[in-house]
Amino acid sequence: MLSDQILEHLKTEYNSGQGKTQQEIADALNVDHPTINRLLSGKRTADGLTIGTFDKMFPRAEIKLTGGTVNAPTINNGTNSGVITGGIHSSEGRITRILDALMASDLPPESKVKAYQIIKETK
């Protein structure tokens, strides 16, 4: 599952022996330190990330809602090379959950509308 891979990636970066601090990881992923801290400590799960936060963390990610794979460049010694891969299967229930998460996100209304239209067109 993608959320498990995100968490595993964060743990690998933090425990890699390269001396990366949570703040350095947060800076590299364009999020604040408390977000990384809550994920690494287990106080927050990666499946609770909003689309907006995921977009900040992995701005070059490509998500195919029609059953393809997700590729997200990740940190590798600060060079942002690496890939998280996981399948996303298109189903009415999953699309509904995606749309619910989109509407609950902190994205500006015009961005929500645009994303909603794109997602609805992939059905």
PDB file of N, CA and C in Angstrom:
ATOM      1  N   MET A   1       0.843  -1.177   0.000  1.00  0.00           N
ATOM      2  CA  MET A   1       0.000   0.000   0.000  1.00  0.00           C
ATOM      3  C   MET A   1       0.895   1.249   0.000  1.00  0.00           C
ATOM      4  N   LEU A   2       0.483   2.272  -0.689  1.00  0.00           N
ATOM      5  CA  LEU A   2       1.283   3.475  -0.837  1.00  0.00           C
ATOM      6  C   LEU A   2       1.621   4.121   0.511  1.00  0.00           C
ATOM      7  N   SER A   3       0.649   4.167   1.420  1.00  0.00           N
ATOM      8  CA  SER A   3       0.913   4.791   2.721  1.00  0.00           C
ATOM      9  C   SER A   3       2.017   4.061   3.478  1.00  0.00           C
ATOM     10  N   ASP A   4       2.043   2.737   3.372  1.00  0.00           N
ATOM     11  CA  ASP A   4       3.104   1.953   4.014  1.00  0.00           C
ATOM     12  C   ASP A   4       4.460   2.257   3.390  1.00  0.00           C
ATOM     13  N   GLN A   5       4.491   2.420   2.076  1.00  0.00           N
ATOM     14  CA  GLN A   5       5.740   2.716   1.386  1.00  0.00           C
ATOM     15  C   GLN A   5       6.255   4.109   1.742  1.00  0.00           C
ATOM     16  N   ILE A   6       5.357   5.055   1.897  1.00  0.00           N
ATOM     17  CA  ILE A   6       5.760   6.407   2.298  1.00  0.00           C
ATOM     18  C   ILE A   6       6.398   6.347   3.684  1.00  0.00           C
ATOM     19  N   LEU A   7       5.730   5.682   4.621  1.00  0.00           N
ATOM     20  CA  LEU A   7       6.252   5.576   5.984  1.00  0.00           C
ATOM     21  C   LEU A   7       7.580   4.831   6.008  1.00  0.00           C
ATOM     22  N   GLU A   8       7.680   3.754   5.257  1.00  0.00           N
ATOM     23  CA  GLU A   8       8.928   2.994   5.187  1.00  0.00           C
ATOM     24  C   GLU A   8      10.065   3.861   4.643  1.00  0.00           C
ATOM     25  N   HIS A   9       9.752   4.665   3.633  1.00  0.00           N
ATOM     26  CA  HIS A   9      10.749   5.571   3.062  1.00  0.00           C
ATOM     27  C   HIS A   9      11.230   6.570   4.115  1.00  0.00           C
ATOM     28  N   LEU A  10      10.297   7.161   4.865  1.00  0.00           N
ATOM     29  CA  LEU A  10      10.678   8.132   5.897  1.00  0.00           C
ATOM     30  C   LEU A  10      11.551   7.472   6.960  1.00  0.00           C
ATOM     31  N   LYS A  11      11.175   6.277   7.385  1.00  0.00           N
ATOM     32  CA  LYS A  11      11.969   5.559   8.398  1.00  0.00           C
ATOM     33  C   LYS A  11      13.364   5.235   7.872  1.00  0.00           C
ATOM     34  N   THR A  12      13.447   4.838   6.609  1.00  0.00           N
ATOM     35  CA  THR A  12      14.743   4.529   6.005  1.00  0.00           C
ATOM     36  C   THR A  12      15.624   5.771   5.974  1.00  0.00           C
ATOM     37  N   GLU A  13      15.047   6.891   5.578  1.00  0.00           N
ATOM     38  CA  GLU A  13      15.807   8.144   5.535  1.00  0.00           C
ATOM     39  C   GLU A  13      16.284   8.543   6.934  1.00  0.00           C
ATOM     40  N   TYR A  14      15.414   8.379   7.913  1.00  0.00           N
ATOM     41  CA  TYR A  14      15.748   8.792   9.273  1.00  0.00           C
ATOM     42  C   TYR A  14      16.766   7.862   9.919  1.00  0.00           C
ATOM     43  N   ASN A  15      16.666   6.570   9.645  1.00  0.00           N
ATOM     44  CA  ASN A  15      17.534   5.575  10.277  1.00  0.00           C
ATOM     45  C   ASN A  15      18.677   5.118   9.390  1.00  0.00           C
ATOM     46  N   SER A  16      18.954   5.846   8.332  1.00  0.00           N
ATOM     47  CA  SER A  16      19.927   5.397   7.332  1.00  0.00           C
ATOM     48  C   SER A  16      21.379   5.469   7.798  1.00  0.00           C
ATOM     49  N   GLY A  17      21.628   6.100   8.909  1.00  0.00           N
ATOM     50  CA  GLY A  17      23.002   6.228   9.364  1.00  0.00           C
ATOM     51  C   GLY A  17      23.721   7.408   8.728  1.00  0.00           C
ATOM     52  N   GLN A  18      23.013   8.160   7.906  1.00  0.00           N
ATOM     53  CA  GLN A  18      23.610   9.327   7.264  1.00  0.00           C
ATOM     54  C   GLN A  18      23.424  10.588   8.103  1.00  0.00           C
ATOM     55  N   GLY A  19      22.834  10.422   9.278  1.00  0.00           N
ATOM     56  CA  GLY A  19      22.712  11.544  10.190  1.00  0.00           C
ATOM     57  C   GLY A  19      21.657  12.561   9.820  1.00  0.00           C
ATOM     58  N   LYS A  20      20.661  12.173   9.026  1.00  0.00           N
ATOM     59  CA  LYS A  20      19.600  13.112   8.669  1.00  0.00           C
ATOM     60  C   LYS A  20      18.679  13.313   9.854  1.00  0.00           C
ATOM     61  N   THR A  21      18.440  14.556  10.163  1.00  0.00           N
ATOM     62  CA  THR A  21      17.511  14.875  11.238  1.00  0.00           C
ATOM     63  C   THR A  21      16.088  14.920  10.674  1.00  0.00           C
ATOM     64  N   GLN A  22      15.132  14.891  11.568  1.00  0.00           N
ATOM     65  CA  GLN A  22      13.742  15.024  11.130  1.00  0.00           C
ATOM     66  C   GLN A  22      13.538  16.360  10.413  1.00  0.00           C
ATOM     67  N   GLN A  23      14.197  17.391  10.883  1.00  0.00           N
ATOM     68  CA  GLN A  23      14.069  18.704  10.246  1.00  0.00           C
ATOM     69  C   GLN A  23      14.632  18.677   8.825  1.00  0.00           C
ATOM     70  N   GLU A  24      15.762  18.011   8.629  1.00  0.00           N
ATOM     71  CA  GLU A  24      16.340  17.915   7.288  1.00  0.00           C
ATOM     72  C   GLU A  24      15.419  17.150   6.337  1.00  0.00           C
ATOM     73  N   ILE A  25      14.810  16.099   6.857  1.00  0.00           N
ATOM     74  CA  ILE A  25      13.867  15.334   6.041  1.00  0.00           C
ATOM     75  C   ILE A  25      12.654  16.202   5.713  1.00  0.00           C
ATOM     76  N   ALA A  26      12.146  16.913   6.707  1.00  0.00           N
ATOM     77  CA  ALA A  26      10.995  17.798   6.492  1.00  0.00           C
ATOM     78  C   ALA A  26      11.313  18.860   5.448  1.00  0.00           C
ATOM     79  N   ASP A  27      12.487  19.462   5.552  1.00  0.00           N
ATOM     80  CA  ASP A  27      12.886  20.497   4.584  1.00  0.00           C
ATOM     81  C   ASP A  27      12.966  19.922   3.170  1.00  0.00           C
ATOM     82  N   ALA A  28      13.533  18.734   3.044  1.00  0.00           N
ATOM     83  CA  ALA A  28      13.673  18.113   1.727  1.00  0.00           C
ATOM     84  C   ALA A  28      12.321  17.752   1.126  1.00  0.00           C
ATOM     85  N   LEU A  29      11.334  17.467   1.985  1.00  0.00           N
ATOM     86  CA  LEU A  29      10.006  17.070   1.516  1.00  0.00           C
ATOM     87  C   LEU A  29       8.998  18.221   1.537  1.00  0.00           C
ATOM     88  N   ASN A  30       9.455  19.430   1.817  1.00  0.00           N
ATOM     89  CA  ASN A  30       8.592  20.625   1.762  1.00  0.00           C
ATOM     90  C   ASN A  30       7.428  20.614   2.745  1.00  0.00           C
ATOM     91  N   VAL A  31       7.625  19.979   3.890  1.00  0.00           N
ATOM     92  CA  VAL A  31       6.605  19.985   4.938  1.00  0.00           C
ATOM     93  C   VAL A  31       7.245  20.442   6.241  1.00  0.00           C
ATOM     94  N   ASP A  32       6.419  20.693   7.260  1.00  0.00           N
ATOM     95  CA  ASP A  32       6.985  21.143   8.523  1.00  0.00           C
ATOM     96  C   ASP A  32       7.481  19.963   9.363  1.00  0.00           C
ATOM     97  N   HIS A  33       8.338  20.278  10.303  1.00  0.00           N
ATOM     98  CA  HIS A  33       8.935  19.262  11.168  1.00  0.00           C
ATOM     99  C   HIS A  33       7.886  18.456  11.928  1.00  0.00           C
ATOM    100  N   PRO A  34       6.830  19.097  12.501  1.00  0.00           N
ATOM    101  CA  PRO A  34       5.839  18.301  13.235  1.00  0.00           C
ATOM    102  C   PRO A  34       5.171  17.212  12.383  1.00  0.00           C
ATOM    103  N   THR A  35       4.989  17.463  11.093  1.00  0.00           N
ATOM    104  CA  THR A  35       4.392  16.442  10.217  1.00  0.00           C
ATOM    105  C   THR A  35       5.276  15.209  10.173  1.00  0.00           C
ATOM    106  N   ILE A  36       6.578  15.409   9.953  1.00  0.00           N
ATOM    107  CA  ILE A  36       7.515  14.286   9.908  1.00  0.00           C
ATOM    108  C   ILE A  36       7.603  13.603  11.262  1.00  0.00           C
ATOM    109  N   ASN A  37       7.637  14.384  12.321  1.00  0.00           N
ATOM    110  CA  ASN A  37       7.722  13.823  13.669  1.00  0.00           C
ATOM    111  C   ASN A  37       6.517  12.947  13.980  1.00  0.00           C
ATOM    112  N   ARG A  38       5.317  13.421  13.655  1.00  0.00           N
ATOM    113  CA  ARG A  38       4.105  12.642  13.931  1.00  0.00           C
ATOM    114  C   ARG A  38       4.076  11.353  13.107  1.00  0.00           C
ATOM    115  N   LEU A  39       4.552  11.417  11.857  1.00  0.00           N
ATOM    116  CA  LEU A  39       4.590  10.211  11.022  1.00  0.00           C
ATOM    117  C   LEU A  39       5.584   9.189  11.569  1.00  0.00           C
ATOM    118  N   LEU A  40       6.790   9.655  11.916  1.00  0.00           N
ATOM    119  CA  LEU A  40       7.822   8.740  12.411  1.00  0.00           C
ATOM    120  C   LEU A  40       7.504   8.178  13.797  1.00  0.00           C
ATOM    121  N   SER A  41       6.805   8.957  14.615  1.00  0.00           N
ATOM    122  CA  SER A  41       6.478   8.493  15.973  1.00  0.00           C
ATOM    123  C   SER A  41       5.223   7.623  16.003  1.00  0.00           C
ATOM    124  N   GLY A  42       4.483   7.569  14.893  1.00  0.00           N
ATOM    125  CA  GLY A  42       3.258   6.775  14.848  1.00  0.00           C
ATOM    126  C   GLY A  42       2.030   7.513  15.326  1.00  0.00           C
ATOM    127  N   LYS A  43       2.170   8.794  15.666  1.00  0.00           N
ATOM    128  CA  LYS A  43       1.019   9.588  16.100  1.00  0.00           C
ATOM    129  C   LYS A  43       0.098   9.920  14.924  1.00  0.00           C
ATOM    130  N   ARG A  44       0.629   9.798  13.718  1.00  0.00           N
ATOM    131  CA  ARG A  44      -0.137  10.058  12.504  1.00  0.00           C
ATOM    132  C   ARG A  44       0.240   8.982  11.490  1.00  0.00           C
ATOM    133  N   THR A  45      -0.725   8.544  10.722  1.00  0.00           N
ATOM    134  CA  THR A  45      -0.438   7.562   9.691  1.00  0.00           C
ATOM    135  C   THR A  45      -0.305   8.255   8.343  1.00  0.00           C
ATOM    136  N   ALA A  46       0.458   7.660   7.461  1.00  0.00           N
ATOM    137  CA  ALA A  46       0.650   8.242   6.133  1.00  0.00           C
ATOM    138  C   ALA A  46      -0.630   8.196   5.312  1.00  0.00           C
ATOM    139  N   ASP A  47      -1.552   7.268   5.632  1.00  0.00           N
ATOM    140  CA  ASP A  47      -2.798   7.238   4.874  1.00  0.00           C
ATOM    141  C   ASP A  47      -3.717   8.392   5.242  1.00  0.00           C
ATOM    142  N   GLY A  48      -3.341   9.166   6.255  1.00  0.00           N
ATOM    143  CA  GLY A  48      -4.101  10.361   6.616  1.00  0.00           C
ATOM    144  C   GLY A  48      -3.587  11.628   5.946  1.00  0.00           C
ATOM    145  N   LEU A  49      -2.545  11.507   5.127  1.00  0.00           N
ATOM    146  CA  LEU A  49      -2.020  12.683   4.434  1.00  0.00           C
ATOM    147  C   LEU A  49      -3.043  13.199   3.437  1.00  0.00           C
ATOM    148  N   THR A  50      -3.191  14.507   3.384  1.00  0.00           N
ATOM    149  CA  THR A  50      -4.081  15.081   2.379  1.00  0.00           C
ATOM    150  C   THR A  50      -3.394  15.037   1.019  1.00  0.00           C
ATOM    151  N   ILE A  51      -4.160  15.182  -0.012  1.00  0.00           N
ATOM    152  CA  ILE A  51      -3.590  15.244  -1.355  1.00  0.00           C
ATOM    153  C   ILE A  51      -2.625  16.418  -1.437  1.00  0.00           C
ATOM    154  N   GLY A  52      -2.974  17.524  -0.795  1.00  0.00           N
ATOM    155  CA  GLY A  52      -2.106  18.704  -0.804  1.00  0.00           C
ATOM    156  C   GLY A  52      -0.761  18.444  -0.161  1.00  0.00           C
ATOM    157  N   THR A  53      -0.756  17.735   0.966  1.00  0.00           N
ATOM    158  CA  THR A  53       0.497  17.421   1.646  1.00  0.00           C
ATOM    159  C   THR A  53       1.320  16.447   0.816  1.00  0.00           C
ATOM    160  N   PHE A  54       0.664  15.416   0.273  1.00  0.00           N
ATOM    161  CA  PHE A  54       1.374  14.470  -0.587  1.00  0.00           C
ATOM    162  C   PHE A  54       1.999  15.209  -1.769  1.00  0.00           C
ATOM    163  N   ASP A  55       1.253  16.135  -2.338  1.00  0.00           N
ATOM    164  CA  ASP A  55       1.740  16.923  -3.475  1.00  0.00           C
ATOM    165  C   ASP A  55       2.973  17.743  -3.100  1.00  0.00           C
ATOM    166  N   LYS A  56       2.986  18.296  -1.877  1.00  0.00           N
ATOM    167  CA  LYS A  56       4.156  19.056  -1.414  1.00  0.00           C
ATOM    168  C   LYS A  56       5.360  18.130  -1.222  1.00  0.00           C
ATOM    169  N   MET A  57       5.098  16.955  -0.657  1.00  0.00           N
ATOM    170  CA  MET A  57       6.183  16.031  -0.359  1.00  0.00           C
ATOM    171  C   MET A  57       6.781  15.415  -1.623  1.00  0.00           C
ATOM    172  N   PHE A  58       5.933  15.127  -2.594  1.00  0.00           N
ATOM    173  CA  PHE A  58       6.359  14.454  -3.816  1.00  0.00           C
ATOM    174  C   PHE A  58       5.800  15.204  -5.030  1.00  0.00           C
ATOM    175  N   PRO A  59       6.316  16.413  -5.291  1.00  0.00           N
ATOM    176  CA  PRO A  59       5.734  17.262  -6.341  1.00  0.00           C
ATOM    177  C   PRO A  59       5.813  16.676  -7.745  1.00  0.00           C
ATOM    178  N   ARG A  60       6.700  15.726  -7.960  1.00  0.00           N
ATOM    179  CA  ARG A  60       6.815  15.128  -9.299  1.00  0.00           C
ATOM    180  C   ARG A  60       6.115  13.776  -9.385  1.00  0.00           C
ATOM    181  N   ALA A  61       5.304  13.463  -8.374  1.00  0.00           N
ATOM    182  CA  ALA A  61       4.591  12.176  -8.377  1.00  0.00           C
ATOM    183  C   ALA A  61       3.587  12.138  -9.515  1.00  0.00           C
ATOM    184  N   GLU A  62       3.420  10.958 -10.076  1.00  0.00           N
ATOM    185  CA  GLU A  62       2.419  10.732 -11.116  1.00  0.00           C
ATOM    186  C   GLU A  62       1.469   9.665 -10.606  1.00  0.00           C
ATOM    187  N   ILE A  63       0.203   9.984 -10.542  1.00  0.00           N
ATOM    188  CA  ILE A  63      -0.790   9.042 -10.054  1.00  0.00           C
ATOM    189  C   ILE A  63      -1.747   8.730 -11.199  1.00  0.00           C
ATOM    190  N   LYS A  64      -1.888   7.459 -11.491  1.00  0.00           N
ATOM    191  CA  LYS A  64      -2.806   7.018 -12.533  1.00  0.00           C
ATOM    192  C   LYS A  64      -3.995   6.365 -11.843  1.00  0.00           C
ATOM    193  N   LEU A  65      -5.132   7.003 -11.903  1.00  0.00           N
ATOM    194  CA  LEU A  65      -6.302   6.522 -11.193  1.00  0.00           C
ATOM    195  C   LEU A  65      -7.003   5.374 -11.905  1.00  0.00           C
ATOM    196  N   THR A  66      -6.483   4.950 -13.016  1.00  0.00           N
ATOM    197  CA  THR A  66      -7.129   3.876 -13.775  1.00  0.00           C
ATOM    198  C   THR A  66      -6.436   2.533 -13.581  1.00  0.00           C
ATOM    199  N   GLY A  67      -5.755   2.356 -12.459  1.00  0.00           N
ATOM    200  CA  GLY A  67      -5.150   1.069 -12.157  1.00  0.00           C
ATOM    201  C   GLY A  67      -3.682   0.973 -12.477  1.00  0.00           C
ATOM    202  N   GLY A  68      -3.026   2.079 -12.726  1.00  0.00           N
ATOM    203  CA  GLY A  68      -1.604   2.064 -13.029  1.00  0.00           C
ATOM    204  C   GLY A  68      -0.773   2.060 -11.771  1.00  0.00           C
ATOM    205  N   THR A  69       0.403   2.628 -11.851  1.00  0.00           N
ATOM    206  CA  THR A  69       1.283   2.691 -10.698  1.00  0.00           C
ATOM    207  C   THR A  69       1.510   4.138 -10.303  1.00  0.00           C
ATOM    208  N   VAL A  70       2.025   4.322  -9.101  1.00  0.00           N
ATOM    209  CA  VAL A  70       2.361   5.636  -8.579  1.00  0.00           C
ATOM    210  C   VAL A  70       3.867   5.723  -8.508  1.00  0.00           C
ATOM    211  N   ASN A  71       4.450   6.717  -9.140  1.00  0.00           N
ATOM    212  CA  ASN A  71       5.887   6.930  -9.076  1.00  0.00           C
ATOM    213  C   ASN A  71       6.136   8.278  -8.434  1.00  0.00           C
ATOM    214  N   ALA A  72       6.885   8.283  -7.348  1.00  0.00           N
ATOM    215  CA  ALA A  72       7.162   9.524  -6.637  1.00  0.00           C
ATOM    216  C   ALA A  72       8.652   9.634  -6.369  1.00  0.00           C
ATOM    217  N   PRO A  73       9.329  10.623  -6.961  1.00  0.00           N
ATOM    218  CA  PRO A  73      10.744  10.813  -6.655  1.00  0.00           C
ATOM    219  C   PRO A  73      10.917  11.054  -5.160  1.00  0.00           C
ATOM    220  N   THR A  74      11.927  10.460  -4.579  1.00  0.00           N
ATOM    221  CA  THR A  74      12.147  10.559  -3.147  1.00  0.00           C
ATOM    222  C   THR A  74      13.553  11.054  -2.858  1.00  0.00           C
ATOM    223  N   ILE A  75      13.852  11.219  -1.585  1.00  0.00           N
ATOM    224  CA  ILE A  75      15.155  11.740  -1.187  1.00  0.00           C
ATOM    225  C   ILE A  75      16.204  10.648  -1.295  1.00  0.00           C
ATOM    226  N   ASN A  76      17.362  10.982  -1.826  1.00  0.00           N
ATOM    227  CA  ASN A  76      18.502  10.078  -1.825  1.00  0.00           C
ATOM    228  C   ASN A  76      19.727  10.971  -1.727  1.00  0.00           C
ATOM    229  N   ASN A  77      20.206  11.157  -0.518  1.00  0.00           N
ATOM    230  CA  ASN A  77      21.331  12.065  -0.283  1.00  0.00           C
ATOM    231  C   ASN A  77      21.033  13.469  -0.801  1.00  0.00           C
ATOM    232  N   GLY A  78      19.791  13.883  -0.707  1.00  0.00           N
ATOM    233  CA  GLY A  78      19.429  15.235  -1.109  1.00  0.00           C
ATOM    234  C   GLY A  78      19.281  15.440  -2.604  1.00  0.00           C
ATOM    235  N   THR A  79      19.329  14.382  -3.390  1.00  0.00           N
ATOM    236  CA  THR A  79      19.268  14.566  -4.835  1.00  0.00           C
ATOM    237  C   THR A  79      17.884  14.312  -5.421  1.00  0.00           C
ATOM    238  N   ASN A  80      16.930  13.920  -4.598  1.00  0.00           N
ATOM    239  CA  ASN A  80      15.576  13.618  -5.060  1.00  0.00           C
ATOM    240  C   ASN A  80      15.558  12.615  -6.200  1.00  0.00           C
ATOM    241  N   SER A  81      16.325  11.561  -6.090  1.00  0.00           N
ATOM    242  CA  SER A  81      16.253  10.494  -7.070  1.00  0.00           C
ATOM    243  C   SER A  81      15.882   9.214  -6.347  1.00  0.00           C
ATOM    244  N   GLY A  82      14.963   8.492  -6.840  1.00  0.00           N
ATOM    245  CA  GLY A  82      14.447   7.302  -6.192  1.00  0.00           C
ATOM    246  C   GLY A  82      12.975   7.221  -6.519  1.00  0.00           C
ATOM    247  N   VAL A  83      12.355   6.112  -6.225  1.00  0.00           N
ATOM    248  CA  VAL A  83      10.966   5.940  -6.618  1.00  0.00           C
ATOM    249  C   VAL A  83      10.201   5.176  -5.554  1.00  0.00           C
ATOM    250  N   ILE A  84       8.991   5.620  -5.283  1.00  0.00           N
ATOM    251  CA  ILE A  84       8.036   4.861  -4.493  1.00  0.00           C
ATOM    252  C   ILE A  84       7.041   4.336  -5.512  1.00  0.00           C
ATOM    253  N   THR A  85       6.785   3.055  -5.511  1.00  0.00           N
ATOM    254  CA  THR A  85       5.846   2.503  -6.479  1.00  0.00           C
ATOM    255  C   THR A  85       4.781   1.702  -5.750  1.00  0.00           C
ATOM    256  N   GLY A  86       3.536   1.897  -6.154  1.00  0.00           N
ATOM    257  CA  GLY A  86       2.428   1.143  -5.579  1.00  0.00           C
ATOM    258  C   GLY A  86       1.245   1.218  -6.502  1.00  0.00           C
ATOM    259  N   GLY A  87       0.426   0.211  -6.509  1.00  0.00           N
ATOM    260  CA  GLY A  87      -0.726   0.182  -7.407  1.00  0.00           C
ATOM    261  C   GLY A  87      -1.922   0.914  -6.841  1.00  0.00           C
ATOM    262  N   ILE A  88      -2.660   1.549  -7.705  1.00  0.00           N
ATOM    263  CA  ILE A  88      -3.929   2.146  -7.337  1.00  0.00           C
ATOM    264  C   ILE A  88      -4.974   1.551  -8.258  1.00  0.00           C
ATOM    265  N   HIS A  89      -5.994   0.949  -7.687  1.00  0.00           N
ATOM    266  CA  HIS A  89      -7.022   0.322  -8.496  1.00  0.00           C
ATOM    267  C   HIS A  89      -8.252   1.210  -8.520  1.00  0.00           C
ATOM    268  N   SER A  90      -8.753   1.442  -9.693  1.00  0.00           N
ATOM    269  CA  SER A  90      -9.917   2.286  -9.862  1.00  0.00           C
ATOM    270  C   SER A  90     -11.171   1.532  -9.440  1.00  0.00           C
ATOM    271  N   SER A  91     -11.903   2.104  -8.532  1.00  0.00           N
ATOM    272  CA  SER A  91     -13.186   1.555  -8.136  1.00  0.00           C
ATOM    273  C   SER A  91     -14.022   2.710  -7.613  1.00  0.00           C
ATOM    274  N   GLU A  92     -15.301   2.525  -7.673  1.00  0.00           N
ATOM    275  CA  GLU A  92     -16.207   3.603  -7.243  1.00  0.00           C
ATOM    276  C   GLU A  92     -15.928   4.012  -5.797  1.00  0.00           C
ATOM    277  N   GLY A  93     -15.737   3.026  -4.914  1.00  0.00           N
ATOM    278  CA  GLY A  93     -15.488   3.340  -3.506  1.00  0.00           C
ATOM    279  C   GLY A  93     -14.204   4.117  -3.300  1.00  0.00           C
ATOM    280  N   ARG A  94     -13.149   3.730  -4.009  1.00  0.00           N
ATOM    281  CA  ARG A  94     -11.870   4.417  -3.875  1.00  0.00           C
ATOM    282  C   ARG A  94     -11.978   5.838  -4.415  1.00  0.00           C
ATOM    283  N   ILE A  95     -12.641   5.998  -5.541  1.00  0.00           N
ATOM    284  CA  ILE A  95     -12.797   7.340  -6.118  1.00  0.00           C
ATOM    285  C   ILE A  95     -13.606   8.217  -5.168  1.00  0.00           C
ATOM    286  N   THR A  96     -14.626   7.651  -4.552  1.00  0.00           N
ATOM    287  CA  THR A  96     -15.425   8.409  -3.581  1.00  0.00           C
ATOM    288  C   THR A  96     -14.556   8.863  -2.416  1.00  0.00           C
ATOM    289  N   ARG A  97     -13.693   7.961  -1.910  1.00  0.00           N
ATOM    290  CA  ARG A  97     -12.806   8.329  -0.799  1.00  0.00           C
ATOM    291  C   ARG A  97     -11.807   9.402  -1.226  1.00  0.00           C
ATOM    292  N   ILE A  98     -11.311   9.305  -2.447  1.00  0.00           N
ATOM    293  CA  ILE A  98     -10.387  10.322  -2.957  1.00  0.00           C
ATOM    294  C   ILE A  98     -11.081  11.671  -3.034  1.00  0.00           C
ATOM    295  N   LEU A  99     -12.294  11.666  -3.563  1.00  0.00           N
ATOM    296  CA  LEU A  99     -13.043  12.919  -3.677  1.00  0.00           C
ATOM    297  C   LEU A  99     -13.362  13.501  -2.299  1.00  0.00           C
ATOM    298  N   ASP A 100     -13.705  12.636  -1.339  1.00  0.00           N
ATOM    299  CA  ASP A 100     -13.960  13.109   0.028  1.00  0.00           C
ATOM    300  C   ASP A 100     -12.710  13.756   0.621  1.00  0.00           C
ATOM    301  N   ALA A 101     -11.552  13.105   0.423  1.00  0.00           N
ATOM    302  CA  ALA A 101     -10.293  13.657   0.926  1.00  0.00           C
ATOM    303  C   ALA A 101      -9.970  14.979   0.231  1.00  0.00           C
ATOM    304  N   LEU A 102     -10.234  15.046  -1.053  1.00  0.00           N
ATOM    305  CA  LEU A 102      -9.998  16.275  -1.808  1.00  0.00           C
ATOM    306  C   LEU A 102     -10.828  17.409  -1.239  1.00  0.00           C
ATOM    307  N   MET A 103     -12.097  17.165  -1.027  1.00  0.00           N
ATOM    308  CA  MET A 103     -12.984  18.210  -0.530  1.00  0.00           C
ATOM    309  C   MET A 103     -12.642  18.624   0.895  1.00  0.00           C
ATOM    310  N   ALA A 104     -12.083  17.720   1.690  1.00  0.00           N
ATOM    311  CA  ALA A 104     -11.709  18.035   3.069  1.00  0.00           C
ATOM    312  C   ALA A 104     -10.329  18.690   3.158  1.00  0.00           C
ATOM    313  N   SER A 105      -9.609  18.738   2.041  1.00  0.00           N
ATOM    314  CA  SER A 105      -8.243  19.270   2.060  1.00  0.00           C
ATOM    315  C   SER A 105      -8.237  20.784   2.198  1.00  0.00           C
ATOM    316  N   ASP A 106      -7.038  21.321   2.405  1.00  0.00           N
ATOM    317  CA  ASP A 106      -6.875  22.760   2.555  1.00  0.00           C
ATOM    318  C   ASP A 106      -6.533  23.457   1.233  1.00  0.00           C
ATOM    319  N   LEU A 107      -6.798  22.776   0.132  1.00  0.00           N
ATOM    320  CA  LEU A 107      -6.558  23.382  -1.181  1.00  0.00           C
ATOM    321  C   LEU A 107      -7.518  24.536  -1.416  1.00  0.00           C
ATOM    322  N   PRO A 108      -7.114  25.529  -2.201  1.00  0.00           N
ATOM    323  CA  PRO A 108      -8.029  26.607  -2.553  1.00  0.00           C
ATOM    324  C   PRO A 108      -9.217  26.036  -3.343  1.00  0.00           C
ATOM    325  N   PRO A 109     -10.395  26.649  -3.217  1.00  0.00           N
ATOM    326  CA  PRO A 109     -11.588  26.131  -3.889  1.00  0.00           C
ATOM    327  C   PRO A 109     -11.416  25.904  -5.387  1.00  0.00           C
ATOM    328  N   GLU A 110     -10.721  26.807  -6.079  1.00  0.00           N
ATOM    329  CA  GLU A 110     -10.556  26.636  -7.533  1.00  0.00           C
ATOM    330  C   GLU A 110      -9.704  25.400  -7.855  1.00  0.00           C
ATOM    331  N   SER A 111      -8.740  25.084  -6.992  1.00  0.00           N
ATOM    332  CA  SER A 111      -7.929  23.883  -7.185  1.00  0.00           C
ATOM    333  C   SER A 111      -8.757  22.631  -6.933  1.00  0.00           C
ATOM    334  N   LYS A 112      -9.626  22.688  -5.920  1.00  0.00           N
ATOM    335  CA  LYS A 112     -10.493  21.552  -5.636  1.00  0.00           C
ATOM    336  C   LYS A 112     -11.399  21.258  -6.832  1.00  0.00           C
ATOM    337  N   VAL A 113     -11.967  22.312  -7.406  1.00  0.00           N
ATOM    338  CA  VAL A 113     -12.867  22.128  -8.547  1.00  0.00           C
ATOM    339  C   VAL A 113     -12.121  21.503  -9.717  1.00  0.00           C
ATOM    340  N   LYS A 114     -10.924  22.011  -9.991  1.00  0.00           N
ATOM    341  CA  LYS A 114     -10.135  21.481 -11.105  1.00  0.00           C
ATOM    342  C   LYS A 114      -9.785  20.003 -10.877  1.00  0.00           C
ATOM    343  N   ALA A 115      -9.327  19.673  -9.676  1.00  0.00           N
ATOM    344  CA  ALA A 115      -8.978  18.289  -9.358  1.00  0.00           C
ATOM    345  C   ALA A 115     -10.221  17.399  -9.419  1.00  0.00           C
ATOM    346  N   TYR A 116     -11.345  17.896  -8.916  1.00  0.00           N
ATOM    347  CA  TYR A 116     -12.600  17.142  -8.951  1.00  0.00           C
ATOM    348  C   TYR A 116     -12.975  16.796 -10.390  1.00  0.00           C
ATOM    349  N   GLN A 117     -12.867  17.776 -11.267  1.00  0.00           N
ATOM    350  CA  GLN A 117     -13.206  17.544 -12.673  1.00  0.00           C
ATOM    351  C   GLN A 117     -12.281  16.497 -13.306  1.00  0.00           C
ATOM    352  N   ILE A 118     -10.988  16.576 -13.014  1.00  0.00           N
ATOM    353  CA  ILE A 118     -10.044  15.603 -13.552  1.00  0.00           C
ATOM    354  C   ILE A 118     -10.366  14.202 -13.047  1.00  0.00           C
ATOM    355  N   ILE A 119     -10.630  14.067 -11.764  1.00  0.00           N
ATOM    356  CA  ILE A 119     -10.919  12.764 -11.193  1.00  0.00           C
ATOM    357  C   ILE A 119     -12.212  12.211 -11.768  1.00  0.00           C
ATOM    358  N   LYS A 120     -13.231  13.022 -11.885  1.00  0.00           N
ATOM    359  CA  LYS A 120     -14.515  12.564 -12.413  1.00  0.00           C
ATOM    360  C   LYS A 120     -14.374  12.107 -13.863  1.00  0.00           C
ATOM    361  N   GLU A 121     -13.485  12.747 -14.646  1.00  0.00           N
ATOM    362  CA  GLU A 121     -13.291  12.381 -16.043  1.00  0.00           C
ATOM    363  C   GLU A 121     -12.588  11.034 -16.208  1.00  0.00           C
ATOM    364  N   THR A 122     -11.918  10.550 -15.161  1.00  0.00           N
ATOM    365  CA  THR A 122     -11.184   9.283 -15.254  1.00  0.00           C
ATOM    366  C   THR A 122     -12.062   8.068 -14.988  1.00  0.00           C
ATOM    367  N   LYS A 123     -13.300   8.289 -14.559  1.00  0.00           N
ATOM    368  CA  LYS A 123     -14.202   7.164 -14.229  1.00  0.00           C
ATOM    369  C   LYS A 123     -14.466   6.291 -15.415  1.00  0.00           C
TER     370      LYS A 123
END
